[in-house]
Amino acid sequence: MPLTEAGIYAAALRLIDEDGVEALTMRKLATALDANPMSLYHHVPNKEAVLRGVARMVGAQFRTVTLQDVPWQERIRLLATDFRTLAHRHPELMAYSFSHQPDFIQPDDPFWTALTAILGAAGVPQSEVPEIAALVATVVIGVLNAELNGSLRLWANLQPSGAAAGTGEVTDADRAGSDQEHMFRLVIDTLITGLEGRLAAGPNGRGAGR
């Protein structure tokens, strides 16, 4: 079969899922495609271009549950949960994209399109939607990156200085702290609470009764 960009990206994603981003080389990719390595360069100039193409392909495939008749709070929870599912489906690629590709999210990506629509429906002024969406995305991606690289679990089990030090026992609180799905939900709930407060404060940042 003739080489295509889509075929190259699909093969690269399979290799990344299996062995990680660092193990991907143009030569390995050519072998997986049963192609001459030099022929790849007619379609993609280098490995970085391949990684960007793979990230765009995965981002375009993102799907979330669309529930127009439910509160915006639940829509944000669903969107964030579906994005987390995507991150865990391709953890090697997503961890790399989160850390090395600041333009990973584009204006026409399904995730960004859905997020901005939800914020508009929540009552965020249109002029503030991009800024608020950027902050929400930054928090969600930051937590997911910490989850994928293992730091979230490590930090969740750090004991305060002098608290239960040296016991060597894993408490129920430790187990709850290392439940990353639980912590992700906590982050999203905190985001929602903050946004509710921001909306209630009004355009001047003051409560309705002030």
N, C-alpha and C. Protein backbone atom coordinates (compact mmCIF):
# COMPACT_ATOMS: atom_id res chain seq x y z
N MET A 1 0.83 -1.19 0.00
CA MET A 1 0.00 0.00 0.00
C MET A 1 0.87 1.25 0.00
N PRO A 2 0.46 2.30 -0.69
CA PRO A 2 1.25 3.53 -0.73
C PRO A 2 1.26 4.20 0.63
N LEU A 3 2.37 4.88 0.93
CA LEU A 3 2.46 5.61 2.18
C LEU A 3 1.56 6.85 2.16
N THR A 4 0.94 7.11 3.28
CA THR A 4 0.16 8.33 3.46
C THR A 4 0.47 8.91 4.83
N GLU A 5 0.22 10.20 5.00
CA GLU A 5 0.44 10.80 6.32
C GLU A 5 -0.40 10.11 7.38
N ALA A 6 -1.67 9.84 7.07
CA ALA A 6 -2.54 9.19 8.04
C ALA A 6 -2.01 7.83 8.44
N GLY A 7 -1.51 7.07 7.47
CA GLY A 7 -0.96 5.76 7.76
C GLY A 7 0.30 5.84 8.60
N ILE A 8 1.12 6.84 8.32
CA ILE A 8 2.35 7.04 9.09
C ILE A 8 2.01 7.38 10.55
N TYR A 9 1.04 8.27 10.74
CA TYR A 9 0.67 8.67 12.09
C TYR A 9 0.06 7.50 12.86
N ALA A 10 -0.75 6.71 12.19
CA ALA A 10 -1.38 5.57 12.86
C ALA A 10 -0.33 4.55 13.30
N ALA A 11 0.65 4.29 12.43
CA ALA A 11 1.72 3.35 12.78
C ALA A 11 2.57 3.90 13.91
N ALA A 12 2.85 5.20 13.86
CA ALA A 12 3.65 5.83 14.93
C ALA A 12 2.93 5.74 16.26
N LEU A 13 1.62 5.93 16.26
CA LEU A 13 0.86 5.85 17.50
C LEU A 13 0.94 4.45 18.10
N ARG A 14 0.86 3.44 17.26
CA ARG A 14 0.97 2.06 17.76
C ARG A 14 2.32 1.83 18.42
N LEU A 15 3.38 2.32 17.80
CA LEU A 15 4.72 2.15 18.36
C LEU A 15 4.87 2.93 19.67
N ILE A 16 4.30 4.14 19.71
CA ILE A 16 4.38 4.95 20.93
C ILE A 16 3.62 4.27 22.06
N ASP A 17 2.44 3.74 21.78
CA ASP A 17 1.67 3.05 22.80
C ASP A 17 2.42 1.85 23.36
N GLU A 18 3.19 1.20 22.49
CA GLU A 18 3.91 -0.01 22.91
C GLU A 18 5.19 0.30 23.67
N ASP A 19 5.97 1.26 23.16
CA ASP A 19 7.33 1.45 23.68
C ASP A 19 7.65 2.86 24.17
N GLY A 20 6.75 3.80 23.97
CA GLY A 20 7.00 5.16 24.41
C GLY A 20 7.56 6.06 23.32
N VAL A 21 7.51 7.34 23.57
CA VAL A 21 7.95 8.33 22.58
C VAL A 21 9.44 8.25 22.32
N GLU A 22 10.22 8.08 23.38
CA GLU A 22 11.67 8.09 23.22
C GLU A 22 12.16 6.95 22.35
N ALA A 23 11.44 5.83 22.34
CA ALA A 23 11.86 4.67 21.56
C ALA A 23 11.51 4.81 20.08
N LEU A 24 10.67 5.77 19.74
CA LEU A 24 10.26 5.93 18.35
C LEU A 24 11.38 6.56 17.53
N THR A 25 11.73 5.92 16.43
CA THR A 25 12.69 6.49 15.47
C THR A 25 12.09 6.37 14.08
N MET A 26 12.61 7.16 13.17
CA MET A 26 12.13 7.09 11.80
C MET A 26 12.43 5.72 11.19
N ARG A 27 13.53 5.12 11.59
CA ARG A 27 13.88 3.80 11.07
C ARG A 27 12.90 2.73 11.57
N LYS A 28 12.57 2.77 12.86
CA LYS A 28 11.60 1.82 13.40
C LYS A 28 10.23 2.02 12.75
N LEU A 29 9.89 3.27 12.54
CA LEU A 29 8.60 3.56 11.91
C LEU A 29 8.56 3.02 10.49
N ALA A 30 9.65 3.18 9.75
CA ALA A 30 9.72 2.65 8.38
C ALA A 30 9.61 1.13 8.39
N THR A 31 10.25 0.49 9.35
CA THR A 31 10.17 -0.97 9.45
C THR A 31 8.74 -1.42 9.71
N ALA A 32 8.07 -0.70 10.61
CA ALA A 32 6.67 -1.05 10.91
C ALA A 32 5.78 -0.89 9.69
N LEU A 33 6.14 0.03 8.81
CA LEU A 33 5.35 0.29 7.61
C LEU A 33 5.85 -0.50 6.41
N ASP A 34 6.92 -1.28 6.64
CA ASP A 34 7.54 -2.06 5.54
C ASP A 34 7.90 -1.12 4.39
N ALA A 35 8.57 -0.03 4.77
CA ALA A 35 8.93 0.99 3.79
C ALA A 35 10.40 1.36 3.93
N ASN A 36 10.94 1.97 2.89
CA ASN A 36 12.29 2.51 2.94
C ASN A 36 12.29 3.74 3.84
N PRO A 37 13.22 3.84 4.81
CA PRO A 37 13.22 5.00 5.71
C PRO A 37 13.21 6.33 4.97
N MET A 38 13.95 6.41 3.87
CA MET A 38 14.02 7.68 3.15
C MET A 38 12.67 8.07 2.56
N SER A 39 11.83 7.08 2.29
CA SER A 39 10.53 7.40 1.68
C SER A 39 9.62 8.13 2.65
N LEU A 40 9.86 7.96 3.97
CA LEU A 40 9.04 8.67 4.95
C LEU A 40 9.20 10.18 4.83
N TYR A 41 10.41 10.61 4.44
CA TYR A 41 10.69 12.04 4.41
C TYR A 41 9.98 12.76 3.27
N HIS A 42 9.36 12.02 2.38
CA HIS A 42 8.52 12.65 1.35
C HIS A 42 7.18 13.11 1.96
N HIS A 43 6.87 12.60 3.15
CA HIS A 43 5.58 12.91 3.79
C HIS A 43 5.75 13.71 5.08
N VAL A 44 6.79 13.39 5.86
CA VAL A 44 7.05 14.09 7.12
C VAL A 44 8.54 14.39 7.21
N PRO A 45 8.90 15.61 7.62
CA PRO A 45 10.32 15.99 7.60
C PRO A 45 11.17 15.37 8.69
N ASN A 46 10.57 15.05 9.85
CA ASN A 46 11.36 14.54 10.96
C ASN A 46 10.43 13.94 12.03
N LYS A 47 11.04 13.44 13.09
CA LYS A 47 10.28 12.80 14.16
C LYS A 47 9.35 13.79 14.84
N GLU A 48 9.81 15.01 15.05
CA GLU A 48 8.96 16.00 15.72
C GLU A 48 7.68 16.25 14.93
N ALA A 49 7.80 16.29 13.60
CA ALA A 49 6.62 16.47 12.77
C ALA A 49 5.68 15.28 12.89
N VAL A 50 6.25 14.09 13.01
CA VAL A 50 5.43 12.89 13.21
C VAL A 50 4.66 13.01 14.52
N LEU A 51 5.36 13.40 15.57
CA LEU A 51 4.71 13.51 16.89
C LEU A 51 3.59 14.54 16.87
N ARG A 52 3.81 15.64 16.19
CA ARG A 52 2.76 16.66 16.09
C ARG A 52 1.57 16.13 15.30
N GLY A 53 1.86 15.40 14.25
CA GLY A 53 0.79 14.82 13.45
C GLY A 53 -0.01 13.79 14.23
N VAL A 54 0.68 12.97 15.01
CA VAL A 54 0.00 11.97 15.84
C VAL A 54 -0.87 12.67 16.89
N ALA A 55 -0.33 13.72 17.51
CA ALA A 55 -1.10 14.45 18.53
C ALA A 55 -2.35 15.07 17.93
N ARG A 56 -2.23 15.64 16.74
CA ARG A 56 -3.40 16.23 16.08
C ARG A 56 -4.42 15.16 15.74
N MET A 57 -3.94 14.00 15.29
CA MET A 57 -4.84 12.91 14.94
C MET A 57 -5.62 12.44 16.17
N VAL A 58 -4.93 12.25 17.29
CA VAL A 58 -5.60 11.79 18.50
C VAL A 58 -6.55 12.87 19.03
N GLY A 59 -6.10 14.12 18.99
CA GLY A 59 -6.96 15.20 19.46
C GLY A 59 -8.23 15.33 18.65
N ALA A 60 -8.14 15.10 17.34
CA ALA A 60 -9.32 15.20 16.47
C ALA A 60 -10.29 14.05 16.72
N GLN A 61 -9.79 12.94 17.28
CA GLN A 61 -10.64 11.79 17.53
C GLN A 61 -11.35 11.87 18.89
N PHE A 62 -11.02 12.89 19.67
CA PHE A 62 -11.63 13.02 20.99
C PHE A 62 -13.14 13.18 20.86
N ARG A 63 -13.84 12.43 21.67
CA ARG A 63 -15.30 12.52 21.69
C ARG A 63 -15.77 12.65 23.13
N THR A 64 -16.76 13.46 23.35
CA THR A 64 -17.34 13.58 24.67
C THR A 64 -18.84 13.46 24.58
N VAL A 65 -19.46 13.14 25.70
CA VAL A 65 -20.90 13.02 25.74
C VAL A 65 -21.51 14.42 25.64
N THR A 66 -22.42 14.61 24.70
CA THR A 66 -23.07 15.90 24.52
C THR A 66 -24.46 15.84 25.14
N LEU A 67 -24.62 16.56 26.22
CA LEU A 67 -25.91 16.59 26.93
C LEU A 67 -26.31 18.06 27.10
N GLN A 68 -27.02 18.57 26.13
CA GLN A 68 -27.38 19.98 26.14
C GLN A 68 -28.40 20.32 27.22
N ASP A 69 -29.14 19.32 27.68
CA ASP A 69 -30.25 19.60 28.60
C ASP A 69 -29.87 19.35 30.07
N VAL A 70 -28.58 19.20 30.36
CA VAL A 70 -28.15 19.03 31.75
C VAL A 70 -27.38 20.27 32.19
N PRO A 71 -27.25 20.51 33.49
CA PRO A 71 -26.53 21.69 33.97
C PRO A 71 -25.09 21.72 33.46
N TRP A 72 -24.60 22.93 33.29
CA TRP A 72 -23.24 23.08 32.76
C TRP A 72 -22.21 22.42 33.66
N GLN A 73 -22.48 22.36 34.95
CA GLN A 73 -21.54 21.72 35.87
C GLN A 73 -21.33 20.25 35.50
N GLU A 74 -22.43 19.55 35.20
CA GLU A 74 -22.31 18.14 34.83
C GLU A 74 -21.64 17.98 33.48
N ARG A 75 -21.88 18.92 32.58
CA ARG A 75 -21.24 18.87 31.27
C ARG A 75 -19.72 19.01 31.39
N ILE A 76 -19.28 19.87 32.28
CA ILE A 76 -17.83 20.02 32.50
C ILE A 76 -17.25 18.74 33.09
N ARG A 77 -17.97 18.13 34.03
CA ARG A 77 -17.49 16.88 34.63
C ARG A 77 -17.35 15.80 33.55
N LEU A 78 -18.34 15.70 32.69
CA LEU A 78 -18.29 14.69 31.62
C LEU A 78 -17.15 14.96 30.66
N LEU A 79 -16.98 16.23 30.29
CA LEU A 79 -15.91 16.60 29.37
C LEU A 79 -14.54 16.26 29.95
N ALA A 80 -14.34 16.63 31.20
CA ALA A 80 -13.06 16.36 31.85
C ALA A 80 -12.81 14.87 32.00
N THR A 81 -13.85 14.12 32.36
CA THR A 81 -13.71 12.67 32.52
C THR A 81 -13.37 12.00 31.19
N ASP A 82 -14.02 12.43 30.12
CA ASP A 82 -13.73 11.85 28.81
C ASP A 82 -12.31 12.20 28.36
N PHE A 83 -11.85 13.40 28.69
CA PHE A 83 -10.48 13.79 28.35
C PHE A 83 -9.48 12.94 29.14
N ARG A 84 -9.80 12.66 30.39
CA ARG A 84 -8.94 11.79 31.19
C ARG A 84 -8.90 10.39 30.60
N THR A 85 -10.03 9.90 30.12
CA THR A 85 -10.07 8.58 29.49
C THR A 85 -9.15 8.54 28.27
N LEU A 86 -9.18 9.61 27.47
CA LEU A 86 -8.30 9.68 26.30
C LEU A 86 -6.84 9.67 26.72
N ALA A 87 -6.52 10.41 27.79
CA ALA A 87 -5.14 10.46 28.26
C ALA A 87 -4.65 9.09 28.70
N HIS A 88 -5.53 8.32 29.34
CA HIS A 88 -5.13 6.98 29.79
C HIS A 88 -5.14 5.96 28.65
N ARG A 89 -5.83 6.28 27.56
CA ARG A 89 -5.81 5.39 26.40
C ARG A 89 -4.46 5.47 25.69
N HIS A 90 -3.87 6.65 25.67
CA HIS A 90 -2.56 6.85 25.03
C HIS A 90 -1.64 7.61 25.99
N PRO A 91 -1.28 7.00 27.12
CA PRO A 91 -0.56 7.73 28.16
C PRO A 91 0.81 8.25 27.73
N GLU A 92 1.55 7.47 26.95
CA GLU A 92 2.89 7.90 26.53
C GLU A 92 2.81 9.13 25.65
N LEU A 93 1.93 9.10 24.67
CA LEU A 93 1.77 10.24 23.76
C LEU A 93 1.26 11.47 24.51
N MET A 94 0.24 11.28 25.35
CA MET A 94 -0.38 12.41 26.01
C MET A 94 0.59 13.05 27.00
N ALA A 95 1.35 12.26 27.73
CA ALA A 95 2.33 12.82 28.66
C ALA A 95 3.36 13.64 27.91
N TYR A 96 3.79 13.14 26.77
CA TYR A 96 4.75 13.89 25.95
C TYR A 96 4.12 15.18 25.44
N SER A 97 2.91 15.10 24.93
CA SER A 97 2.25 16.28 24.38
C SER A 97 2.02 17.34 25.45
N PHE A 98 1.59 16.91 26.64
CA PHE A 98 1.36 17.85 27.73
C PHE A 98 2.65 18.60 28.09
N SER A 99 3.78 17.91 28.04
CA SER A 99 5.04 18.48 28.50
C SER A 99 5.84 19.19 27.42
N HIS A 100 5.67 18.79 26.16
CA HIS A 100 6.55 19.28 25.10
C HIS A 100 5.85 20.01 23.95
N GLN A 101 4.52 20.01 23.94
CA GLN A 101 3.81 20.63 22.83
C GLN A 101 2.80 21.65 23.36
N PRO A 102 3.23 22.89 23.58
CA PRO A 102 2.31 23.89 24.12
C PRO A 102 1.12 24.18 23.21
N ASP A 103 1.26 23.86 21.92
CA ASP A 103 0.14 24.06 20.99
C ASP A 103 -0.63 22.78 20.75
N PHE A 104 -0.55 21.86 21.72
CA PHE A 104 -1.25 20.58 21.59
C PHE A 104 -2.74 20.79 21.34
N ILE A 105 -3.35 21.75 22.03
CA ILE A 105 -4.77 22.05 21.85
C ILE A 105 -4.90 23.20 20.86
N GLN A 106 -5.69 22.99 19.83
CA GLN A 106 -5.93 23.98 18.79
C GLN A 106 -7.38 24.48 18.89
N PRO A 107 -7.67 25.66 18.31
CA PRO A 107 -9.03 26.23 18.43
C PRO A 107 -10.14 25.32 17.91
N ASP A 108 -9.83 24.49 16.91
CA ASP A 108 -10.87 23.64 16.33
C ASP A 108 -10.89 22.23 16.91
N ASP A 109 -10.08 21.98 17.95
CA ASP A 109 -10.10 20.66 18.58
C ASP A 109 -11.44 20.43 19.28
N PRO A 110 -11.96 19.22 19.21
CA PRO A 110 -13.25 18.93 19.87
C PRO A 110 -13.27 19.26 21.35
N PHE A 111 -12.16 19.02 22.05
CA PHE A 111 -12.12 19.33 23.48
C PHE A 111 -12.30 20.83 23.70
N TRP A 112 -11.54 21.64 22.98
CA TRP A 112 -11.62 23.09 23.15
C TRP A 112 -12.97 23.64 22.71
N THR A 113 -13.48 23.11 21.62
CA THR A 113 -14.79 23.55 21.12
C THR A 113 -15.88 23.27 22.15
N ALA A 114 -15.85 22.06 22.73
CA ALA A 114 -16.86 21.71 23.73
C ALA A 114 -16.69 22.54 25.00
N LEU A 115 -15.45 22.74 25.43
CA LEU A 115 -15.21 23.50 26.66
C LEU A 115 -15.70 24.94 26.54
N THR A 116 -15.37 25.59 25.44
CA THR A 116 -15.80 26.99 25.27
C THR A 116 -17.32 27.09 25.16
N ALA A 117 -17.95 26.09 24.53
CA ALA A 117 -19.41 26.10 24.42
C ALA A 117 -20.05 25.95 25.80
N ILE A 118 -19.49 25.10 26.63
CA ILE A 118 -20.04 24.89 27.98
C ILE A 118 -19.89 26.16 28.81
N LEU A 119 -18.74 26.81 28.71
CA LEU A 119 -18.53 28.02 29.48
C LEU A 119 -19.48 29.13 29.03
N GLY A 120 -19.74 29.21 27.74
CA GLY A 120 -20.71 30.17 27.25
C GLY A 120 -22.10 29.89 27.79
N ALA A 121 -22.46 28.60 27.81
CA ALA A 121 -23.77 28.21 28.33
C ALA A 121 -23.87 28.48 29.83
N ALA A 122 -22.74 28.44 30.53
CA ALA A 122 -22.73 28.68 31.98
C ALA A 122 -22.96 30.15 32.31
N GLY A 123 -22.76 31.02 31.32
CA GLY A 123 -22.95 32.44 31.56
C GLY A 123 -21.67 33.24 31.61
N VAL A 124 -20.55 32.62 31.27
CA VAL A 124 -19.29 33.37 31.21
C VAL A 124 -19.38 34.37 30.05
N PRO A 125 -19.09 35.65 30.29
CA PRO A 125 -19.12 36.63 29.20
C PRO A 125 -18.22 36.18 28.04
N GLN A 126 -18.69 36.38 26.82
CA GLN A 126 -17.96 35.89 25.66
C GLN A 126 -16.53 36.39 25.62
N SER A 127 -16.33 37.63 26.07
CA SER A 127 -14.97 38.19 26.05
C SER A 127 -14.03 37.47 27.01
N GLU A 128 -14.60 36.78 28.02
CA GLU A 128 -13.78 36.09 29.02
C GLU A 128 -13.66 34.60 28.77
N VAL A 129 -14.42 34.08 27.81
CA VAL A 129 -14.42 32.63 27.58
C VAL A 129 -13.03 32.09 27.27
N PRO A 130 -12.26 32.69 26.33
CA PRO A 130 -10.93 32.12 26.04
C PRO A 130 -10.03 32.06 27.27
N GLU A 131 -10.05 33.13 28.08
CA GLU A 131 -9.19 33.17 29.27
C GLU A 131 -9.60 32.11 30.28
N ILE A 132 -10.89 32.02 30.56
CA ILE A 132 -11.36 31.03 31.53
C ILE A 132 -11.13 29.61 31.01
N ALA A 133 -11.37 29.41 29.72
CA ALA A 133 -11.14 28.08 29.13
C ALA A 133 -9.67 27.70 29.22
N ALA A 134 -8.78 28.67 29.00
CA ALA A 134 -7.34 28.39 29.09
C ALA A 134 -6.96 27.98 30.51
N LEU A 135 -7.54 28.65 31.51
CA LEU A 135 -7.24 28.30 32.89
C LEU A 135 -7.78 26.92 33.26
N VAL A 136 -9.01 26.62 32.82
CA VAL A 136 -9.59 25.29 33.08
C VAL A 136 -8.73 24.21 32.43
N ALA A 137 -8.36 24.42 31.16
CA ALA A 137 -7.54 23.43 30.45
C ALA A 137 -6.19 23.26 31.12
N THR A 138 -5.61 24.36 31.60
CA THR A 138 -4.30 24.29 32.26
C THR A 138 -4.36 23.43 33.52
N VAL A 139 -5.41 23.62 34.31
CA VAL A 139 -5.55 22.84 35.54
C VAL A 139 -5.77 21.37 35.22
N VAL A 140 -6.68 21.08 34.29
CA VAL A 140 -6.99 19.70 33.94
C VAL A 140 -5.76 18.99 33.39
N ILE A 141 -5.06 19.64 32.46
CA ILE A 141 -3.88 19.03 31.85
C ILE A 141 -2.76 18.88 32.88
N GLY A 142 -2.61 19.87 33.75
CA GLY A 142 -1.58 19.76 34.78
C GLY A 142 -1.79 18.58 35.70
N VAL A 143 -3.03 18.37 36.12
CA VAL A 143 -3.34 17.24 36.99
C VAL A 143 -3.13 15.92 36.25
N LEU A 144 -3.58 15.86 35.00
CA LEU A 144 -3.41 14.63 34.23
C LEU A 144 -1.93 14.33 34.00
N ASN A 145 -1.14 15.36 33.75
CA ASN A 145 0.29 15.15 33.54
C ASN A 145 0.93 14.59 34.81
N ALA A 146 0.56 15.15 35.96
CA ALA A 146 1.08 14.65 37.23
C ALA A 146 0.62 13.21 37.49
N GLU A 147 -0.59 12.91 37.05
CA GLU A 147 -1.10 11.56 37.21
C GLU A 147 -0.34 10.58 36.34
N LEU A 148 -0.09 10.96 35.09
CA LEU A 148 0.58 10.06 34.15
C LEU A 148 2.05 9.84 34.50
N ASN A 149 2.71 10.88 35.02
CA ASN A 149 4.14 10.70 35.33
C ASN A 149 4.38 10.18 36.75
N GLY A 150 3.30 9.97 37.50
CA GLY A 150 3.43 9.34 38.82
C GLY A 150 3.58 10.29 39.98
N SER A 151 3.79 11.58 39.71
CA SER A 151 4.03 12.51 40.81
C SER A 151 2.78 12.74 41.65
N LEU A 152 1.60 12.66 41.06
CA LEU A 152 0.37 12.89 41.83
C LEU A 152 0.23 11.86 42.94
N ARG A 153 0.43 10.59 42.62
CA ARG A 153 0.34 9.54 43.64
C ARG A 153 1.41 9.73 44.71
N LEU A 154 2.60 10.10 44.29
CA LEU A 154 3.69 10.31 45.25
C LEU A 154 3.36 11.44 46.21
N TRP A 155 2.92 12.57 45.66
CA TRP A 155 2.62 13.72 46.51
C TRP A 155 1.44 13.45 47.43
N ALA A 156 0.46 12.69 46.94
CA ALA A 156 -0.74 12.43 47.74
C ALA A 156 -0.42 11.62 48.99
N ASN A 157 0.69 10.90 48.97
CA ASN A 157 1.05 10.07 50.11
C ASN A 157 2.15 10.68 50.98
N LEU A 158 2.53 11.94 50.67
CA LEU A 158 3.49 12.62 51.53
C LEU A 158 2.82 13.00 52.85
N GLN A 159 3.48 12.68 53.94
CA GLN A 159 2.94 13.01 55.26
C GLN A 159 3.45 14.38 55.70
N PRO A 160 2.59 15.19 56.33
CA PRO A 160 3.07 16.45 56.90
C PRO A 160 4.19 16.19 57.90
N SER A 161 5.08 17.13 58.03
CA SER A 161 6.21 16.97 58.95
C SER A 161 5.71 16.68 60.37
N GLY A 162 6.18 15.55 60.92
CA GLY A 162 5.82 15.19 62.28
C GLY A 162 4.51 14.44 62.42
N ALA A 163 3.80 14.24 61.29
CA ALA A 163 2.50 13.55 61.36
C ALA A 163 2.66 12.10 60.96
N ALA A 164 2.45 11.20 61.89
CA ALA A 164 2.49 9.76 61.65
C ALA A 164 3.79 9.34 60.99
N ALA A 165 4.88 10.05 61.28
CA ALA A 165 6.16 9.72 60.65
C ALA A 165 6.75 8.47 61.27
N GLY A 166 7.31 7.63 60.43
CA GLY A 166 8.04 6.46 60.88
C GLY A 166 7.18 5.29 61.27
N THR A 167 5.87 5.35 61.09
CA THR A 167 5.03 4.23 61.48
C THR A 167 5.13 3.10 60.48
N GLY A 168 5.37 3.47 59.20
CA GLY A 168 5.47 2.44 58.17
C GLY A 168 4.15 1.83 57.78
N GLU A 169 3.06 2.37 58.33
CA GLU A 169 1.75 1.82 58.05
C GLU A 169 1.03 2.65 57.00
N VAL A 170 0.28 1.96 56.13
CA VAL A 170 -0.53 2.64 55.12
C VAL A 170 -1.93 2.79 55.68
N THR A 171 -2.35 4.01 55.92
CA THR A 171 -3.65 4.27 56.52
C THR A 171 -4.73 4.36 55.45
N ASP A 172 -5.99 4.39 55.92
CA ASP A 172 -7.10 4.58 55.00
C ASP A 172 -6.97 5.92 54.27
N ALA A 173 -6.47 6.93 54.97
CA ALA A 173 -6.27 8.24 54.33
C ALA A 173 -5.25 8.15 53.21
N ASP A 174 -4.20 7.33 53.43
CA ASP A 174 -3.20 7.14 52.38
C ASP A 174 -3.83 6.54 51.14
N ARG A 175 -4.67 5.52 51.37
CA ARG A 175 -5.30 4.84 50.23
C ARG A 175 -6.21 5.80 49.48
N ALA A 176 -6.96 6.61 50.22
CA ALA A 176 -7.83 7.59 49.57
C ALA A 176 -7.01 8.61 48.82
N GLY A 177 -5.85 9.01 49.40
CA GLY A 177 -5.01 10.00 48.76
C GLY A 177 -4.41 9.50 47.47
N SER A 178 -4.17 8.19 47.39
CA SER A 178 -3.56 7.65 46.19
C SER A 178 -4.59 7.22 45.15
N ASP A 179 -5.87 7.41 45.43
CA ASP A 179 -6.92 7.11 44.47
C ASP A 179 -7.00 8.28 43.50
N GLN A 180 -6.35 8.12 42.36
CA GLN A 180 -6.19 9.25 41.46
C GLN A 180 -7.51 9.66 40.80
N GLU A 181 -8.39 8.71 40.58
CA GLU A 181 -9.69 9.06 40.01
C GLU A 181 -10.47 9.93 41.00
N HIS A 182 -10.40 9.56 42.27
CA HIS A 182 -11.05 10.37 43.31
C HIS A 182 -10.47 11.78 43.33
N MET A 183 -9.16 11.90 43.24
CA MET A 183 -8.53 13.22 43.28
C MET A 183 -8.86 14.03 42.04
N PHE A 184 -8.97 13.37 40.89
CA PHE A 184 -9.34 14.09 39.68
C PHE A 184 -10.74 14.68 39.82
N ARG A 185 -11.66 13.89 40.36
CA ARG A 185 -13.02 14.40 40.58
C ARG A 185 -12.99 15.58 41.54
N LEU A 186 -12.14 15.50 42.56
CA LEU A 186 -12.02 16.59 43.53
C LEU A 186 -11.54 17.87 42.85
N VAL A 187 -10.58 17.74 41.95
CA VAL A 187 -10.08 18.90 41.21
C VAL A 187 -11.18 19.53 40.38
N ILE A 188 -11.93 18.70 39.66
CA ILE A 188 -12.99 19.23 38.80
C ILE A 188 -14.07 19.89 39.64
N ASP A 189 -14.44 19.28 40.76
CA ASP A 189 -15.44 19.89 41.64
C ASP A 189 -14.95 21.24 42.17
N THR A 190 -13.66 21.31 42.48
CA THR A 190 -13.10 22.58 42.97
C THR A 190 -13.13 23.64 41.88
N LEU A 191 -12.81 23.25 40.65
CA LEU A 191 -12.89 24.17 39.52
C LEU A 191 -14.32 24.70 39.35
N ILE A 192 -15.25 23.79 39.41
CA ILE A 192 -16.66 24.16 39.23
C ILE A 192 -17.11 25.11 40.33
N THR A 193 -16.72 24.81 41.58
CA THR A 193 -17.09 25.68 42.69
C THR A 193 -16.51 27.08 42.51
N GLY A 194 -15.27 27.13 42.07
CA GLY A 194 -14.64 28.42 41.82
C GLY A 194 -15.33 29.20 40.72
N LEU A 195 -15.71 28.50 39.66
CA LEU A 195 -16.40 29.16 38.55
C LEU A 195 -17.79 29.63 38.96
N GLU A 196 -18.47 28.83 39.76
CA GLU A 196 -19.78 29.25 40.28
C GLU A 196 -19.64 30.54 41.09
N GLY A 197 -18.61 30.60 41.92
CA GLY A 197 -18.38 31.80 42.71
C GLY A 197 -18.06 33.00 41.84
N ARG A 198 -17.28 32.76 40.80
CA ARG A 198 -16.92 33.85 39.87
C ARG A 198 -18.15 34.37 39.15
N LEU A 199 -19.03 33.49 38.73
CA LEU A 199 -20.24 33.91 38.04
C LEU A 199 -21.20 34.63 38.98
N ALA A 200 -21.28 34.15 40.22
CA ALA A 200 -22.18 34.78 41.19
C ALA A 200 -21.70 36.17 41.59
N ALA A 201 -20.38 36.39 41.52
CA ALA A 201 -19.82 37.68 41.91
C ALA A 201 -20.14 38.78 40.92
N GLY A 202 -20.46 38.41 39.68
CA GLY A 202 -20.80 39.40 38.68
C GLY A 202 -19.58 39.96 37.98
N PRO A 203 -19.78 40.85 37.02
CA PRO A 203 -18.68 41.34 36.19
C PRO A 203 -17.64 42.15 36.96
N ASN A 204 -18.01 42.75 38.08
CA ASN A 204 -17.07 43.56 38.85
C ASN A 204 -16.41 42.78 39.98
N GLY A 205 -16.72 41.46 40.05
CA GLY A 205 -16.13 40.65 41.10
C GLY A 205 -16.75 40.86 42.46
N ARG A 206 -17.97 41.44 42.49
CA ARG A 206 -18.64 41.69 43.76
C ARG A 206 -19.96 40.96 43.81
N GLY A 207 -20.38 40.59 44.97
CA GLY A 207 -21.65 39.90 45.14
C GLY A 207 -22.81 40.79 44.75
N ALA A 208 -23.93 40.14 44.45
CA ALA A 208 -25.09 40.88 43.97
C ALA A 208 -25.61 41.87 44.99
N GLY A 209 -25.38 41.58 46.27
CA GLY A 209 -25.92 42.45 47.31
C GLY A 209 -25.00 43.57 47.71
N ARG A 210 -23.87 43.73 47.04
CA ARG A 210 -22.91 44.77 47.44
C ARG A 210 -23.02 45.98 46.53
